[in-house]
Amino acid sequence: MNYDELEAIKIAYGKSSKGLMLGFNRRFFAAGRKNNAIINKKNKKKSINIRINAGSVPPDHWVHDPEVGGGRIIGEVCHFIDLAGYIAGSKAINIHAICTFR
């Protein structure tokens, strides 16, 4: 969740003969792969809109602890940013988010 942890991962990876895997799992679930195959049949520009209804989390929940959960963007939304990049076939140029409460 921070540069020091990234550096520790890089050092451990460099000392290991094993691979490294990130937990960005949204691009691998069946519906995501099927939708991506349909969307990418034609090589056209895309505007990707992902609505996430994650619900409310109490302020004292672990996900809000910067040392454990990293907050909802780092801990949860990163999966959808990765999914959007997978669908687009490229890195994001612009990300816009709106938070609404009901």
N, C-alpha and C. Protein backbone atom coordinates (compact mmCIF):
# COMPACT_ATOMS: atom_id res chain seq x y z
N MET A 1 0.81 -1.20 0.00
CA MET A 1 0.00 0.00 0.00
C MET A 1 0.85 1.26 0.00
N ASN A 2 2.17 1.09 0.09
CA ASN A 2 3.04 2.26 0.06
C ASN A 2 4.39 1.87 -0.57
N TYR A 3 5.24 2.84 -0.79
CA TYR A 3 6.51 2.58 -1.46
C TYR A 3 7.43 1.67 -0.65
N ASP A 4 7.44 1.79 0.66
CA ASP A 4 8.28 0.92 1.48
C ASP A 4 7.85 -0.54 1.34
N GLU A 5 6.54 -0.79 1.32
CA GLU A 5 6.05 -2.16 1.14
C GLU A 5 6.36 -2.66 -0.27
N LEU A 6 6.27 -1.80 -1.26
CA LEU A 6 6.62 -2.18 -2.62
C LEU A 6 8.09 -2.56 -2.70
N GLU A 7 8.94 -1.80 -2.07
CA GLU A 7 10.37 -2.10 -2.07
C GLU A 7 10.64 -3.44 -1.40
N ALA A 8 9.94 -3.74 -0.31
CA ALA A 8 10.10 -5.02 0.37
C ALA A 8 9.67 -6.18 -0.54
N ILE A 9 8.61 -5.97 -1.31
CA ILE A 9 8.15 -7.00 -2.26
C ILE A 9 9.20 -7.19 -3.36
N LYS A 10 9.74 -6.10 -3.87
CA LYS A 10 10.76 -6.20 -4.92
C LYS A 10 11.98 -6.97 -4.44
N ILE A 11 12.41 -6.71 -3.21
CA ILE A 11 13.57 -7.41 -2.65
C ILE A 11 13.27 -8.90 -2.48
N ALA A 12 12.10 -9.21 -1.91
CA ALA A 12 11.72 -10.62 -1.72
C ALA A 12 11.59 -11.34 -3.05
N TYR A 13 11.01 -10.68 -4.05
CA TYR A 13 10.85 -11.27 -5.37
C TYR A 13 12.21 -11.54 -6.01
N GLY A 14 13.12 -10.60 -5.84
CA GLY A 14 14.46 -10.75 -6.40
C GLY A 14 15.23 -11.92 -5.80
N LYS A 15 14.93 -12.26 -4.55
CA LYS A 15 15.61 -13.37 -3.87
C LYS A 15 14.92 -14.72 -4.12
N SER A 16 13.75 -14.69 -4.72
CA SER A 16 12.95 -15.90 -4.89
C SER A 16 13.02 -16.43 -6.31
N SER A 17 12.84 -17.73 -6.45
CA SER A 17 12.75 -18.33 -7.78
C SER A 17 11.29 -18.50 -8.20
N LYS A 18 10.38 -18.02 -7.37
CA LYS A 18 8.96 -18.16 -7.65
C LYS A 18 8.43 -16.91 -8.35
N GLY A 19 7.25 -17.03 -8.94
CA GLY A 19 6.62 -15.91 -9.62
C GLY A 19 5.96 -14.94 -8.66
N LEU A 20 5.44 -13.89 -9.21
CA LEU A 20 4.74 -12.87 -8.44
C LEU A 20 3.35 -12.70 -9.03
N MET A 21 2.35 -12.67 -8.18
CA MET A 21 0.98 -12.54 -8.67
C MET A 21 0.26 -11.43 -7.91
N LEU A 22 -0.44 -10.60 -8.65
CA LEU A 22 -1.28 -9.56 -8.05
C LEU A 22 -2.69 -10.09 -7.94
N GLY A 23 -3.44 -9.59 -6.99
CA GLY A 23 -4.80 -10.07 -6.77
C GLY A 23 -5.87 -9.31 -7.55
N PHE A 24 -5.55 -8.79 -8.72
CA PHE A 24 -6.56 -8.13 -9.53
C PHE A 24 -7.39 -9.21 -10.22
N ASN A 25 -8.48 -9.60 -9.60
CA ASN A 25 -9.23 -10.77 -10.04
C ASN A 25 -10.41 -10.47 -10.94
N ARG A 26 -10.87 -9.24 -11.05
CA ARG A 26 -12.08 -8.93 -11.81
C ARG A 26 -11.95 -9.29 -13.28
N ARG A 27 -10.77 -9.13 -13.85
CA ARG A 27 -10.59 -9.42 -15.27
C ARG A 27 -10.67 -10.91 -15.57
N PHE A 28 -10.62 -11.77 -14.55
CA PHE A 28 -10.60 -13.20 -14.77
C PHE A 28 -11.94 -13.90 -14.54
N PHE A 29 -12.92 -13.21 -13.95
CA PHE A 29 -14.18 -13.91 -13.70
C PHE A 29 -14.93 -14.10 -15.01
N ALA A 30 -15.74 -15.15 -15.07
CA ALA A 30 -16.35 -15.59 -16.33
C ALA A 30 -17.12 -14.49 -17.05
N ALA A 31 -17.97 -13.77 -16.34
CA ALA A 31 -18.77 -12.73 -16.98
C ALA A 31 -17.88 -11.61 -17.52
N GLY A 32 -16.84 -11.27 -16.80
CA GLY A 32 -15.92 -10.23 -17.25
C GLY A 32 -15.20 -10.62 -18.52
N ARG A 33 -14.76 -11.86 -18.61
CA ARG A 33 -14.07 -12.33 -19.81
C ARG A 33 -15.03 -12.39 -21.00
N LYS A 34 -16.26 -12.85 -20.75
CA LYS A 34 -17.24 -12.93 -21.83
C LYS A 34 -17.59 -11.53 -22.35
N ASN A 35 -17.85 -10.61 -21.42
CA ASN A 35 -18.17 -9.23 -21.82
C ASN A 35 -17.01 -8.60 -22.58
N ASN A 36 -15.81 -8.84 -22.13
CA ASN A 36 -14.64 -8.27 -22.80
C ASN A 36 -14.51 -8.81 -24.22
N ALA A 37 -14.77 -10.08 -24.41
CA ALA A 37 -14.71 -10.66 -25.75
C ALA A 37 -15.74 -10.02 -26.68
N ILE A 38 -16.92 -9.74 -26.16
CA ILE A 38 -17.97 -9.10 -26.95
C ILE A 38 -17.61 -7.65 -27.27
N ILE A 39 -17.17 -6.92 -26.26
CA ILE A 39 -16.84 -5.50 -26.42
C ILE A 39 -15.67 -5.31 -27.38
N ASN A 40 -14.71 -6.20 -27.33
CA ASN A 40 -13.48 -6.00 -28.11
C ASN A 40 -13.48 -6.69 -29.47
N LYS A 41 -14.66 -7.08 -29.97
CA LYS A 41 -14.72 -7.65 -31.32
C LYS A 41 -14.33 -6.62 -32.37
N LYS A 42 -14.64 -5.37 -32.10
CA LYS A 42 -14.29 -4.30 -33.02
C LYS A 42 -13.30 -3.37 -32.31
N ASN A 43 -12.31 -2.93 -33.03
CA ASN A 43 -11.29 -2.06 -32.46
C ASN A 43 -11.77 -0.61 -32.51
N LYS A 44 -12.59 -0.24 -31.52
CA LYS A 44 -13.14 1.12 -31.47
C LYS A 44 -12.80 1.75 -30.12
N LYS A 45 -12.86 3.09 -30.10
CA LYS A 45 -12.66 3.79 -28.83
C LYS A 45 -13.77 3.42 -27.86
N LYS A 46 -13.45 3.46 -26.59
CA LYS A 46 -14.42 3.08 -25.56
C LYS A 46 -14.49 4.13 -24.47
N SER A 47 -15.66 4.32 -23.95
CA SER A 47 -15.86 5.09 -22.73
C SER A 47 -16.40 4.09 -21.72
N ILE A 48 -15.69 3.88 -20.65
CA ILE A 48 -16.04 2.83 -19.70
C ILE A 48 -16.60 3.47 -18.44
N ASN A 49 -17.80 3.07 -18.09
CA ASN A 49 -18.48 3.58 -16.90
C ASN A 49 -18.77 2.38 -16.00
N ILE A 50 -18.15 2.36 -14.84
CA ILE A 50 -18.36 1.26 -13.89
C ILE A 50 -19.02 1.83 -12.65
N ARG A 51 -20.19 1.33 -12.33
CA ARG A 51 -20.89 1.75 -11.11
C ARG A 51 -20.64 0.69 -10.04
N ILE A 52 -20.18 1.14 -8.90
CA ILE A 52 -19.86 0.24 -7.80
C ILE A 52 -20.78 0.57 -6.63
N ASN A 53 -21.52 -0.40 -6.20
CA ASN A 53 -22.39 -0.23 -5.04
C ASN A 53 -21.82 -1.07 -3.91
N ALA A 54 -20.82 -0.54 -3.26
CA ALA A 54 -20.12 -1.29 -2.21
C ALA A 54 -20.79 -1.15 -0.85
N GLY A 55 -21.71 -0.23 -0.71
CA GLY A 55 -22.38 -0.06 0.56
C GLY A 55 -21.53 0.72 1.56
N SER A 56 -22.15 1.05 2.65
CA SER A 56 -21.50 1.84 3.69
C SER A 56 -20.66 0.93 4.59
N VAL A 57 -19.51 1.44 4.98
CA VAL A 57 -18.65 0.73 5.92
C VAL A 57 -18.46 1.64 7.13
N PRO A 58 -18.65 1.12 8.34
CA PRO A 58 -18.49 1.94 9.54
C PRO A 58 -17.11 2.60 9.59
N PRO A 59 -17.01 3.80 10.16
CA PRO A 59 -15.73 4.52 10.20
C PRO A 59 -14.60 3.76 10.89
N ASP A 60 -14.93 2.86 11.81
CA ASP A 60 -13.88 2.14 12.53
C ASP A 60 -13.53 0.79 11.87
N HIS A 61 -14.07 0.53 10.69
CA HIS A 61 -13.79 -0.72 9.97
C HIS A 61 -12.33 -0.76 9.53
N TRP A 62 -11.75 -1.96 9.45
CA TRP A 62 -10.33 -2.12 9.09
C TRP A 62 -10.00 -1.57 7.71
N VAL A 63 -10.96 -1.55 6.81
CA VAL A 63 -10.67 -1.09 5.45
C VAL A 63 -10.22 0.38 5.44
N HIS A 64 -10.62 1.15 6.44
CA HIS A 64 -10.25 2.56 6.52
C HIS A 64 -8.88 2.79 7.17
N ASP A 65 -8.33 1.76 7.78
CA ASP A 65 -7.04 1.89 8.45
C ASP A 65 -5.94 1.90 7.38
N PRO A 66 -5.19 3.00 7.26
CA PRO A 66 -4.17 3.09 6.21
C PRO A 66 -3.08 2.04 6.33
N GLU A 67 -2.87 1.49 7.51
CA GLU A 67 -1.84 0.48 7.70
C GLU A 67 -2.33 -0.92 7.36
N VAL A 68 -3.64 -1.15 7.35
CA VAL A 68 -4.19 -2.49 7.13
C VAL A 68 -4.97 -2.57 5.82
N GLY A 69 -5.93 -1.67 5.66
CA GLY A 69 -6.82 -1.75 4.50
C GLY A 69 -6.49 -0.78 3.40
N GLY A 70 -5.88 0.33 3.74
CA GLY A 70 -5.49 1.31 2.73
C GLY A 70 -6.59 2.22 2.23
N GLY A 71 -7.80 2.03 2.73
CA GLY A 71 -8.92 2.84 2.26
C GLY A 71 -9.62 2.16 1.12
N ARG A 72 -10.77 2.66 0.75
CA ARG A 72 -11.59 1.99 -0.26
C ARG A 72 -11.02 2.09 -1.66
N ILE A 73 -10.29 3.17 -1.96
CA ILE A 73 -9.70 3.29 -3.29
C ILE A 73 -8.61 2.25 -3.48
N ILE A 74 -7.66 2.20 -2.56
CA ILE A 74 -6.54 1.27 -2.67
C ILE A 74 -7.00 -0.17 -2.47
N GLY A 75 -7.90 -0.39 -1.53
CA GLY A 75 -8.30 -1.74 -1.20
C GLY A 75 -9.38 -2.36 -2.07
N GLU A 76 -10.21 -1.53 -2.71
CA GLU A 76 -11.33 -2.07 -3.47
C GLU A 76 -11.42 -1.53 -4.90
N VAL A 77 -11.39 -0.22 -5.04
CA VAL A 77 -11.60 0.39 -6.36
C VAL A 77 -10.47 0.05 -7.33
N CYS A 78 -9.28 -0.26 -6.80
CA CYS A 78 -8.16 -0.63 -7.67
C CYS A 78 -8.52 -1.80 -8.57
N HIS A 79 -9.38 -2.71 -8.10
CA HIS A 79 -9.81 -3.85 -8.92
C HIS A 79 -10.60 -3.38 -10.15
N PHE A 80 -11.42 -2.37 -9.97
CA PHE A 80 -12.24 -1.88 -11.08
C PHE A 80 -11.43 -1.02 -12.04
N ILE A 81 -10.44 -0.32 -11.53
CA ILE A 81 -9.53 0.43 -12.40
C ILE A 81 -8.76 -0.55 -13.27
N ASP A 82 -8.31 -1.65 -12.68
CA ASP A 82 -7.64 -2.69 -13.46
C ASP A 82 -8.58 -3.30 -14.49
N LEU A 83 -9.82 -3.57 -14.10
CA LEU A 83 -10.81 -4.14 -15.03
C LEU A 83 -11.03 -3.19 -16.22
N ALA A 84 -11.14 -1.91 -15.94
CA ALA A 84 -11.34 -0.93 -17.02
C ALA A 84 -10.15 -0.94 -17.98
N GLY A 85 -8.95 -1.03 -17.45
CA GLY A 85 -7.76 -1.11 -18.31
C GLY A 85 -7.75 -2.36 -19.15
N TYR A 86 -8.21 -3.45 -18.57
CA TYR A 86 -8.31 -4.72 -19.30
C TYR A 86 -9.30 -4.61 -20.45
N ILE A 87 -10.47 -4.03 -20.17
CA ILE A 87 -11.49 -3.86 -21.20
C ILE A 87 -10.99 -2.92 -22.30
N ALA A 88 -10.35 -1.84 -21.91
CA ALA A 88 -9.86 -0.85 -22.88
C ALA A 88 -8.65 -1.35 -23.65
N GLY A 89 -7.92 -2.28 -23.05
CA GLY A 89 -6.69 -2.75 -23.69
C GLY A 89 -5.57 -1.75 -23.57
N SER A 90 -5.68 -0.84 -22.59
CA SER A 90 -4.63 0.17 -22.39
C SER A 90 -4.77 0.76 -20.99
N LYS A 91 -3.81 1.58 -20.63
CA LYS A 91 -3.86 2.25 -19.34
C LYS A 91 -4.84 3.42 -19.39
N ALA A 92 -5.36 3.79 -18.23
CA ALA A 92 -6.32 4.89 -18.14
C ALA A 92 -5.65 6.22 -18.47
N ILE A 93 -6.38 7.06 -19.16
CA ILE A 93 -5.93 8.42 -19.44
C ILE A 93 -6.55 9.37 -18.42
N ASN A 94 -7.81 9.10 -18.07
CA ASN A 94 -8.54 9.98 -17.16
C ASN A 94 -9.50 9.14 -16.33
N ILE A 95 -9.54 9.40 -15.03
CA ILE A 95 -10.48 8.72 -14.15
C ILE A 95 -11.28 9.78 -13.41
N HIS A 96 -12.59 9.63 -13.40
CA HIS A 96 -13.47 10.57 -12.72
C HIS A 96 -14.37 9.78 -11.80
N ALA A 97 -14.51 10.21 -10.56
CA ALA A 97 -15.34 9.48 -9.61
C ALA A 97 -16.30 10.44 -8.92
N ILE A 98 -17.49 9.95 -8.66
CA ILE A 98 -18.49 10.70 -7.91
C ILE A 98 -18.97 9.81 -6.78
N CYS A 99 -18.97 10.33 -5.59
CA CYS A 99 -19.46 9.58 -4.44
C CYS A 99 -20.84 10.13 -4.06
N THR A 100 -21.82 9.27 -4.03
CA THR A 100 -23.16 9.69 -3.64
C THR A 100 -23.61 8.91 -2.42
N PHE A 101 -24.32 9.56 -1.57
CA PHE A 101 -24.86 8.92 -0.37
C PHE A 101 -26.38 9.08 -0.39
N ARG A 102 -27.07 8.04 0.02
CA ARG A 102 -28.52 8.12 0.10
C ARG A 102 -28.96 7.86 1.49
